[in-house]
Amino acid sequence: MKPSQAPVAVATGASTRVRAAREGMQLASRFDDDDFPAYTMGRAAELIGVTPAFLRSLGEAGLISPQRSTGGHRRYSRHQLRLAGRARMLVDEGMALSAACRVVTLEDQLEAAHRRIAELERQISPTQPA
């Protein structure tokens, strides 16, 4: 090996390790992201105990809008699976699908509003006099 080739190999190896570490961090953040579409339709249906047709019907009702893979397959996030699971519970209790979807949508909006209020309260609390 020529001496001039060694630094290039070391630099390439280091940049590869840096790139791999960066990709690893991105992957780890995806695991923590509730909105990352990680689940295929079959796996999603299995996880919440429904049929793929039920998931499609929730999409048609507007409760969830799964993303699509490059191949066109539906992909669901953990947040969407929680909504679908709650809708399933309401339907199992005898509620119509459209009503269950409306209830779940309103619950989700209320939860988001509570999170936003808490965030705003944290932002202003340090500036409040004691």
N, C-alpha and C. Protein backbone atom coordinates (compact mmCIF):
# COMPACT_ATOMS: atom_id res chain seq x y z
N MET A 1 0.86 -1.17 0.00
CA MET A 1 0.00 0.00 0.00
C MET A 1 0.90 1.23 0.00
N LYS A 2 0.58 2.18 -0.81
CA LYS A 2 1.33 3.42 -0.85
C LYS A 2 0.96 4.27 0.35
N PRO A 3 1.93 5.03 0.86
CA PRO A 3 1.63 5.89 2.02
C PRO A 3 0.53 6.89 1.73
N SER A 4 0.41 7.34 0.51
CA SER A 4 -0.63 8.33 0.21
C SER A 4 -2.02 7.74 0.24
N GLN A 5 -2.12 6.42 0.14
CA GLN A 5 -3.44 5.78 0.17
C GLN A 5 -3.96 5.57 1.59
N ALA A 6 -3.10 5.41 2.56
CA ALA A 6 -3.51 5.12 3.93
C ALA A 6 -4.40 6.20 4.53
N PRO A 7 -4.04 7.52 4.45
CA PRO A 7 -4.92 8.52 5.04
C PRO A 7 -6.30 8.54 4.40
N VAL A 8 -6.36 8.27 3.10
CA VAL A 8 -7.66 8.25 2.43
C VAL A 8 -8.52 7.13 2.98
N ALA A 9 -7.93 5.96 3.19
CA ALA A 9 -8.67 4.83 3.72
C ALA A 9 -9.16 5.12 5.14
N VAL A 10 -8.31 5.75 5.96
CA VAL A 10 -8.71 6.09 7.32
C VAL A 10 -9.82 7.13 7.29
N ALA A 11 -9.68 8.14 6.45
CA ALA A 11 -10.70 9.17 6.35
C ALA A 11 -12.02 8.59 5.86
N THR A 12 -11.94 7.70 4.89
CA THR A 12 -13.15 7.08 4.37
C THR A 12 -13.80 6.24 5.46
N GLY A 13 -12.99 5.49 6.21
CA GLY A 13 -13.53 4.67 7.30
C GLY A 13 -14.17 5.53 8.37
N ALA A 14 -13.55 6.65 8.71
CA ALA A 14 -14.10 7.55 9.72
C ALA A 14 -15.40 8.17 9.23
N SER A 15 -15.43 8.60 7.97
CA SER A 15 -16.66 9.21 7.46
C SER A 15 -17.78 8.18 7.38
N THR A 16 -17.42 6.94 7.10
CA THR A 16 -18.42 5.87 7.07
C THR A 16 -18.98 5.65 8.46
N ARG A 17 -18.11 5.67 9.48
CA ARG A 17 -18.57 5.49 10.86
C ARG A 17 -19.46 6.66 11.29
N VAL A 18 -19.08 7.87 10.90
CA VAL A 18 -19.89 9.04 11.24
C VAL A 18 -21.25 8.95 10.58
N ARG A 19 -21.25 8.58 9.29
CA ARG A 19 -22.51 8.45 8.56
C ARG A 19 -23.38 7.35 9.18
N ALA A 20 -22.76 6.24 9.55
CA ALA A 20 -23.51 5.14 10.16
C ALA A 20 -24.09 5.56 11.51
N ALA A 21 -23.30 6.31 12.29
CA ALA A 21 -23.79 6.79 13.58
C ALA A 21 -24.96 7.75 13.38
N ARG A 22 -24.85 8.64 12.40
CA ARG A 22 -25.93 9.59 12.12
C ARG A 22 -27.19 8.84 11.69
N GLU A 23 -27.04 7.85 10.82
CA GLU A 23 -28.20 7.06 10.38
C GLU A 23 -28.79 6.28 11.54
N GLY A 24 -27.94 5.80 12.44
CA GLY A 24 -28.43 5.09 13.62
C GLY A 24 -29.24 5.99 14.52
N MET A 25 -28.80 7.25 14.69
CA MET A 25 -29.55 8.20 15.50
C MET A 25 -30.89 8.53 14.84
N GLN A 26 -30.88 8.66 13.51
CA GLN A 26 -32.13 8.94 12.81
C GLN A 26 -33.09 7.77 12.97
N LEU A 27 -32.57 6.56 12.87
CA LEU A 27 -33.40 5.37 13.03
C LEU A 27 -33.97 5.31 14.45
N ALA A 28 -33.14 5.59 15.44
CA ALA A 28 -33.61 5.57 16.82
C ALA A 28 -34.69 6.61 17.03
N SER A 29 -34.55 7.79 16.43
CA SER A 29 -35.57 8.81 16.60
C SER A 29 -36.88 8.38 15.92
N ARG A 30 -36.79 7.61 14.87
CA ARG A 30 -38.00 7.11 14.23
C ARG A 30 -38.75 6.16 15.14
N PHE A 31 -38.01 5.35 15.92
CA PHE A 31 -38.66 4.43 16.84
C PHE A 31 -39.42 5.19 17.92
N ASP A 32 -38.95 6.37 18.27
CA ASP A 32 -39.62 7.19 19.28
C ASP A 32 -40.72 8.06 18.70
N ASP A 33 -40.80 8.15 17.39
CA ASP A 33 -41.76 9.03 16.72
C ASP A 33 -43.10 8.33 16.56
N ASP A 34 -44.11 8.83 17.27
CA ASP A 34 -45.46 8.23 17.20
C ASP A 34 -46.09 8.36 15.82
N ASP A 35 -45.59 9.31 15.02
CA ASP A 35 -46.19 9.55 13.71
C ASP A 35 -45.42 8.89 12.57
N PHE A 36 -44.36 8.15 12.88
CA PHE A 36 -43.61 7.46 11.84
C PHE A 36 -44.40 6.25 11.36
N PRO A 37 -44.65 6.12 10.06
CA PRO A 37 -45.46 5.01 9.53
C PRO A 37 -44.67 3.71 9.47
N ALA A 38 -44.60 3.02 10.57
CA ALA A 38 -43.74 1.85 10.70
C ALA A 38 -44.44 0.52 10.43
N TYR A 39 -45.76 0.49 10.45
CA TYR A 39 -46.48 -0.79 10.41
C TYR A 39 -47.23 -1.00 9.11
N THR A 40 -47.06 -2.18 8.54
CA THR A 40 -47.82 -2.54 7.35
C THR A 40 -49.27 -2.79 7.76
N MET A 41 -50.14 -2.84 6.79
CA MET A 41 -51.55 -3.05 7.09
C MET A 41 -51.77 -4.37 7.84
N GLY A 42 -51.15 -5.42 7.37
CA GLY A 42 -51.33 -6.72 8.02
C GLY A 42 -50.85 -6.73 9.45
N ARG A 43 -49.67 -6.14 9.69
CA ARG A 43 -49.12 -6.09 11.04
C ARG A 43 -49.97 -5.19 11.93
N ALA A 44 -50.40 -4.06 11.39
CA ALA A 44 -51.23 -3.13 12.15
C ALA A 44 -52.54 -3.81 12.56
N ALA A 45 -53.18 -4.48 11.63
CA ALA A 45 -54.43 -5.17 11.92
C ALA A 45 -54.22 -6.23 13.00
N GLU A 46 -53.13 -6.96 12.89
CA GLU A 46 -52.82 -8.01 13.87
C GLU A 46 -52.60 -7.41 15.26
N LEU A 47 -51.88 -6.29 15.32
CA LEU A 47 -51.57 -5.67 16.61
C LEU A 47 -52.81 -5.22 17.37
N ILE A 48 -53.81 -4.70 16.65
CA ILE A 48 -55.00 -4.20 17.36
C ILE A 48 -56.19 -5.15 17.26
N GLY A 49 -55.99 -6.28 16.62
CA GLY A 49 -57.03 -7.31 16.60
C GLY A 49 -58.21 -7.01 15.69
N VAL A 50 -57.92 -6.45 14.52
CA VAL A 50 -58.97 -6.16 13.55
C VAL A 50 -58.57 -6.76 12.20
N THR A 51 -59.46 -6.66 11.25
CA THR A 51 -59.15 -7.10 9.90
C THR A 51 -58.60 -5.93 9.09
N PRO A 52 -57.86 -6.21 8.04
CA PRO A 52 -57.42 -5.12 7.16
C PRO A 52 -58.60 -4.32 6.61
N ALA A 53 -59.72 -4.98 6.39
CA ALA A 53 -60.91 -4.27 5.89
C ALA A 53 -61.38 -3.22 6.90
N PHE A 54 -61.28 -3.52 8.18
CA PHE A 54 -61.67 -2.54 9.20
C PHE A 54 -60.76 -1.32 9.13
N LEU A 55 -59.46 -1.55 8.98
CA LEU A 55 -58.53 -0.43 8.84
C LEU A 55 -58.85 0.41 7.60
N ARG A 56 -59.16 -0.27 6.50
CA ARG A 56 -59.53 0.47 5.29
C ARG A 56 -60.79 1.30 5.52
N SER A 57 -61.76 0.73 6.27
CA SER A 57 -63.00 1.46 6.52
C SER A 57 -62.74 2.69 7.40
N LEU A 58 -61.77 2.62 8.29
CA LEU A 58 -61.42 3.80 9.09
C LEU A 58 -60.79 4.88 8.22
N GLY A 59 -60.05 4.45 7.22
CA GLY A 59 -59.50 5.40 6.26
C GLY A 59 -60.59 6.05 5.44
N GLU A 60 -61.54 5.25 5.00
CA GLU A 60 -62.66 5.78 4.22
C GLU A 60 -63.52 6.74 5.05
N ALA A 61 -63.62 6.46 6.36
CA ALA A 61 -64.41 7.32 7.26
C ALA A 61 -63.64 8.58 7.63
N GLY A 62 -62.36 8.63 7.30
CA GLY A 62 -61.57 9.83 7.56
C GLY A 62 -60.90 9.87 8.92
N LEU A 63 -60.96 8.79 9.68
CA LEU A 63 -60.32 8.79 11.00
C LEU A 63 -58.80 8.76 10.87
N ILE A 64 -58.31 7.91 10.00
CA ILE A 64 -56.87 7.80 9.79
C ILE A 64 -56.57 7.86 8.30
N SER A 65 -55.41 8.38 7.99
CA SER A 65 -54.95 8.46 6.60
C SER A 65 -53.56 7.86 6.53
N PRO A 66 -53.47 6.57 6.28
CA PRO A 66 -52.15 5.94 6.27
C PRO A 66 -51.28 6.49 5.15
N GLN A 67 -49.99 6.55 5.43
CA GLN A 67 -49.06 6.93 4.37
C GLN A 67 -48.86 5.72 3.46
N ARG A 68 -48.25 5.95 2.35
CA ARG A 68 -48.01 4.86 1.40
C ARG A 68 -46.51 4.64 1.24
N SER A 69 -46.13 3.38 1.15
CA SER A 69 -44.74 3.05 0.88
C SER A 69 -44.45 3.36 -0.59
N THR A 70 -43.19 3.24 -0.97
CA THR A 70 -42.84 3.49 -2.37
C THR A 70 -43.56 2.51 -3.29
N GLY A 71 -43.90 1.34 -2.77
CA GLY A 71 -44.64 0.35 -3.56
C GLY A 71 -46.14 0.55 -3.52
N GLY A 72 -46.62 1.56 -2.79
CA GLY A 72 -48.05 1.85 -2.74
C GLY A 72 -48.80 1.17 -1.61
N HIS A 73 -48.09 0.49 -0.72
CA HIS A 73 -48.75 -0.21 0.39
C HIS A 73 -49.02 0.76 1.54
N ARG A 74 -50.13 0.54 2.23
CA ARG A 74 -50.48 1.40 3.37
C ARG A 74 -49.51 1.14 4.52
N ARG A 75 -49.11 2.23 5.20
CA ARG A 75 -48.23 2.15 6.37
C ARG A 75 -48.85 2.99 7.49
N TYR A 76 -48.92 2.41 8.68
CA TYR A 76 -49.60 3.04 9.81
C TYR A 76 -48.61 3.39 10.91
N SER A 77 -48.89 4.49 11.60
CA SER A 77 -48.07 4.92 12.72
C SER A 77 -48.67 4.41 14.03
N ARG A 78 -47.89 4.52 15.11
CA ARG A 78 -48.40 4.12 16.42
C ARG A 78 -49.59 4.99 16.82
N HIS A 79 -49.53 6.28 16.51
CA HIS A 79 -50.65 7.17 16.82
C HIS A 79 -51.92 6.71 16.10
N GLN A 80 -51.79 6.38 14.83
CA GLN A 80 -52.95 5.91 14.07
C GLN A 80 -53.48 4.60 14.64
N LEU A 81 -52.59 3.73 15.10
CA LEU A 81 -53.04 2.47 15.68
C LEU A 81 -53.77 2.69 16.99
N ARG A 82 -53.35 3.68 17.77
CA ARG A 82 -54.10 3.99 19.00
C ARG A 82 -55.50 4.49 18.66
N LEU A 83 -55.61 5.35 17.65
CA LEU A 83 -56.93 5.83 17.24
C LEU A 83 -57.80 4.67 16.74
N ALA A 84 -57.21 3.81 15.93
CA ALA A 84 -57.95 2.67 15.39
C ALA A 84 -58.38 1.72 16.50
N GLY A 85 -57.51 1.50 17.47
CA GLY A 85 -57.85 0.64 18.60
C GLY A 85 -59.00 1.19 19.42
N ARG A 86 -58.99 2.51 19.63
CA ARG A 86 -60.08 3.14 20.37
C ARG A 86 -61.39 3.04 19.58
N ALA A 87 -61.32 3.25 18.27
CA ALA A 87 -62.52 3.11 17.44
C ALA A 87 -63.05 1.69 17.51
N ARG A 88 -62.15 0.73 17.50
CA ARG A 88 -62.57 -0.67 17.60
C ARG A 88 -63.33 -0.92 18.89
N MET A 89 -62.81 -0.36 20.00
CA MET A 89 -63.48 -0.54 21.29
C MET A 89 -64.90 0.01 21.25
N LEU A 90 -65.06 1.18 20.67
CA LEU A 90 -66.39 1.80 20.61
C LEU A 90 -67.34 1.01 19.71
N VAL A 91 -66.82 0.53 18.59
CA VAL A 91 -67.64 -0.28 17.68
C VAL A 91 -68.04 -1.59 18.37
N ASP A 92 -67.10 -2.18 19.10
CA ASP A 92 -67.39 -3.41 19.83
C ASP A 92 -68.47 -3.20 20.90
N GLU A 93 -68.56 -1.96 21.41
CA GLU A 93 -69.59 -1.64 22.40
C GLU A 93 -70.94 -1.32 21.76
N GLY A 94 -71.00 -1.36 20.42
CA GLY A 94 -72.26 -1.17 19.73
C GLY A 94 -72.43 0.17 19.04
N MET A 95 -71.41 1.01 19.07
CA MET A 95 -71.52 2.32 18.42
C MET A 95 -71.31 2.16 16.92
N ALA A 96 -72.03 2.95 16.14
CA ALA A 96 -71.86 2.94 14.69
C ALA A 96 -70.44 3.42 14.35
N LEU A 97 -69.90 2.91 13.26
CA LEU A 97 -68.54 3.25 12.87
C LEU A 97 -68.35 4.76 12.70
N SER A 98 -69.30 5.42 12.04
CA SER A 98 -69.17 6.87 11.82
C SER A 98 -69.18 7.63 13.15
N ALA A 99 -70.02 7.21 14.08
CA ALA A 99 -70.07 7.85 15.39
C ALA A 99 -68.79 7.59 16.17
N ALA A 100 -68.29 6.36 16.10
CA ALA A 100 -67.05 6.02 16.79
C ALA A 100 -65.89 6.85 16.25
N CYS A 101 -65.84 7.03 14.95
CA CYS A 101 -64.78 7.83 14.34
C CYS A 101 -64.88 9.28 14.79
N ARG A 102 -66.08 9.81 14.90
CA ARG A 102 -66.26 11.19 15.35
C ARG A 102 -65.83 11.34 16.80
N VAL A 103 -66.21 10.40 17.65
CA VAL A 103 -65.82 10.45 19.06
C VAL A 103 -64.30 10.39 19.19
N VAL A 104 -63.68 9.47 18.48
CA VAL A 104 -62.22 9.32 18.56
C VAL A 104 -61.52 10.58 18.05
N THR A 105 -62.03 11.16 16.98
CA THR A 105 -61.45 12.39 16.44
C THR A 105 -61.53 13.51 17.47
N LEU A 106 -62.68 13.66 18.12
CA LEU A 106 -62.84 14.71 19.13
C LEU A 106 -61.95 14.46 20.34
N GLU A 107 -61.84 13.20 20.77
CA GLU A 107 -60.94 12.87 21.88
C GLU A 107 -59.50 13.21 21.53
N ASP A 108 -59.10 12.91 20.31
CA ASP A 108 -57.73 13.18 19.87
C ASP A 108 -57.46 14.69 19.82
N GLN A 109 -58.43 15.45 19.33
CA GLN A 109 -58.28 16.91 19.28
C GLN A 109 -58.20 17.49 20.69
N LEU A 110 -58.98 16.97 21.60
CA LEU A 110 -58.96 17.45 22.97
C LEU A 110 -57.61 17.14 23.62
N GLU A 111 -57.11 15.95 23.40
CA GLU A 111 -55.81 15.58 23.94
C GLU A 111 -54.71 16.49 23.40
N ALA A 112 -54.75 16.79 22.10
CA ALA A 112 -53.77 17.69 21.49
C ALA A 112 -53.88 19.09 22.09
N ALA A 113 -55.09 19.55 22.34
CA ALA A 113 -55.28 20.87 22.94
C ALA A 113 -54.71 20.91 24.36
N HIS A 114 -54.93 19.85 25.12
CA HIS A 114 -54.36 19.78 26.47
C HIS A 114 -52.84 19.80 26.44
N ARG A 115 -52.25 19.07 25.48
CA ARG A 115 -50.78 19.08 25.36
C ARG A 115 -50.28 20.48 25.03
N ARG A 116 -50.97 21.17 24.13
CA ARG A 116 -50.56 22.52 23.73
C ARG A 116 -50.68 23.50 24.90
N ILE A 117 -51.75 23.39 25.67
CA ILE A 117 -51.93 24.25 26.84
C ILE A 117 -50.80 24.01 27.84
N ALA A 118 -50.48 22.75 28.09
CA ALA A 118 -49.39 22.43 29.02
C ALA A 118 -48.06 22.99 28.52
N GLU A 119 -47.84 22.90 27.22
CA GLU A 119 -46.61 23.44 26.63
C GLU A 119 -46.54 24.96 26.82
N LEU A 120 -47.64 25.63 26.57
CA LEU A 120 -47.67 27.09 26.73
C LEU A 120 -47.51 27.49 28.18
N GLU A 121 -48.09 26.73 29.09
CA GLU A 121 -47.94 27.02 30.52
C GLU A 121 -46.48 26.86 30.95
N ARG A 122 -45.79 25.85 30.41
CA ARG A 122 -44.37 25.67 30.74
C ARG A 122 -43.55 26.85 30.21
N GLN A 123 -43.94 27.38 29.06
CA GLN A 123 -43.20 28.50 28.48
C GLN A 123 -43.37 29.77 29.27
N ILE A 124 -44.55 30.01 29.82
CA ILE A 124 -44.77 31.26 30.54
C ILE A 124 -44.47 31.16 32.02
N SER A 125 -44.45 30.00 32.60
CA SER A 125 -44.26 29.86 34.05
C SER A 125 -42.91 30.39 34.53
N PRO A 126 -41.80 30.23 33.80
CA PRO A 126 -40.55 30.80 34.31
C PRO A 126 -40.56 32.32 34.36
N THR A 127 -41.39 32.96 33.55
CA THR A 127 -41.44 34.43 33.51
C THR A 127 -42.43 35.00 34.50
N GLN A 128 -43.24 34.16 35.12
CA GLN A 128 -44.22 34.63 36.10
C GLN A 128 -43.51 34.98 37.40
N PRO A 129 -43.88 36.10 38.04
CA PRO A 129 -43.29 36.41 39.34
C PRO A 129 -43.80 35.43 40.40
N ALA A 130 -42.97 35.18 41.38
CA ALA A 130 -43.30 34.21 42.43
C ALA A 130 -44.31 34.71 43.41
